[in-house]
């Protein structure tokens, strides 16, 4: 069900555009569709999971003693990505009426029990945030630290003072920014969490007029109410103005047998912000100038270094080939006896590598991951994955990964056929390609999920979702991978330009191990992505929005170029010292960047996530970092290997050595 939702949306979008072309002046795609509200129209806020940058364990909003809606708690429809990210969006009792400023009473809890007090104190001291959503916009909070204004999404469960007393946030001051909208004869088509929304043209112009929500801000307070006076009131009764106290004795303390009353006030403010620009405040990047200059500097340095190495390399190889081809046959025969460098390994350069099946499987999975990353980032860079559509990025990645199994099977089996000279055993290779990366990720996620289940976190994957993922893998990815393998057996075989000797040539001893050079080669690709990696990790673990996919696309293209160049240069260096075992070295020359990514993740954990507390949080962080590093190794290693294979094939087909 979760998988088909985005596809149904896209099919419906295409059909509407196709049949409404004659009446549609323009359309807006993508993002949540615009909803206009008439004065006094009810608007209900929603609540997402409680989150913390200290524990990274999300919990349900209603795991704490908060007021529940009159109609009961109901979960909103969630897609595959939202479920995997641990989002649990529920309805809430917070009700607003368009353009009505009011102060409202919600409810008073029964006397707090010991376990409730303990849980509230724990969530408060772990810096848990309540995440509210209104018209698909997260609640934003502003605070000042060292005379610097900082924006946050959500508000804290409570706060702790120096005397170790904890206070709960029980009064919220909302500011809703609205923009008056009048129908403009433009048809708006979009995708959002509620499905499709269409605002028609001239016929419904009056109906489309109204107010649109363009901002949602909250100021949290802790207020000591008189529970006896408020207990006679009903939910949504208006009360007198509530002022946020500065004295602690007027704040609501968390302790046993204490009754907590929840209230809120809402103010509607007209704004010049238009609906298409309402996400700008959330996507505003801190330190944007530093980000720009750092990326630009990294790009220039990498291009400069890679350009120098590549130019030197081209001149060296071309001089070698030109010198050889200018000789007459007699001189060539004499030169063949005095061959040196890469020309000496002509009879061994295409000898089957160690563990050929594993190499085919890893290259096949690398193609699948790389294709998924490129297509996803391209779509995101062109604005097709709106932040308003929660979970769509992850859902899109999973769908792409499943369908790119056909490319993985094709590449893996064709490489197997090239190495073995026969298609025998292609089914085993195809099954291994389908199971290798997916199986390792599934095993790691299962281990982490047991930890999350033990913590009763909403981040735990439900058992129903496990079966859904297994169903998708077995019924979509596996058949497509086998189909790709079948196509690989029927594709034209790659012929080697030279024959392989029966007896392998001895590789000369070297002063230093070749793997040392291979591991060192990963530093150059790492230099292209470590700045962007910092922003991505900050987005994931510190709850920031990441929406600079244009930068990410540039970095990805740069990474592909550098991985290809580094791997080719190292392959040439190994051939020059008569080391014909280049297959795995070519893969890990660029794939070794994953080692530095994982080490950087550990560095980020130690120095930038100092607030992360407890072994459970650290294990979760390292588990997810390991999956990320493994995927990067397969993708970058595949780039380097395929480019090196093409280079070696081209090099030895350019000169005839008998």
Foldseek 3Di string as FASTA:
>chain_A
DLLCQVVVQVVVVVVCCVVCVVQAPDEDDEFDFFDFDAFQAKWWKKWKWWAFLAARFTARPVVAPDFAAPVGKDWADDHPQCLLSLITIITGNDMDGPQDWFKWWAAKGFWDDPVNLVVLLVQQVRFIFIWMATSLRTAKEWDDDPNDIDIDGGGTQWYADPVRWIFGFFEKEKEWEKEWDFADQHWYWYQFSVGIDIDHGPVCRVVRTHITTQHMYMDTAFFDDDCVVCNPDHGGDTDDDDDHDPDPVGGGTRDGRDMGIHMYIYHYDYDPDDNVCSCVVQQDDPPVVVLVVLLVVLLVVLCVVLVVLVVVVVVVLVVVLVVLVVDDPVVNVVVLVVDAFLSVCLQPLLAQAPPLLVLLLLLLLLVLLLVLVLVLLVCLQVPNDDVSHPSVSVSSSLVSSLLCLLSSLQSSQLSVCQNVVASPPSLVSLVCSLCPLVVVLVVLLVVLLVLSVVVNGSSRNDPVVVVVSVCSSVVGRSVSSVNSNVVNNVDDHDDFLGHHDPDHDDQDDDPDDLVVLLLVLLVSLLSLCVSVLVVVCCCSSVVGDDRNSVSVSVSSVSSLVSLQSQLQSSLSVCSNSVNSNSQVSQLSSNLSNLVVQLVVLVVCCVPVSVSHDDPSSVSVSSSVSVSVSSSSSSNSSSSRNVSNVVVVRVSPNSDDND
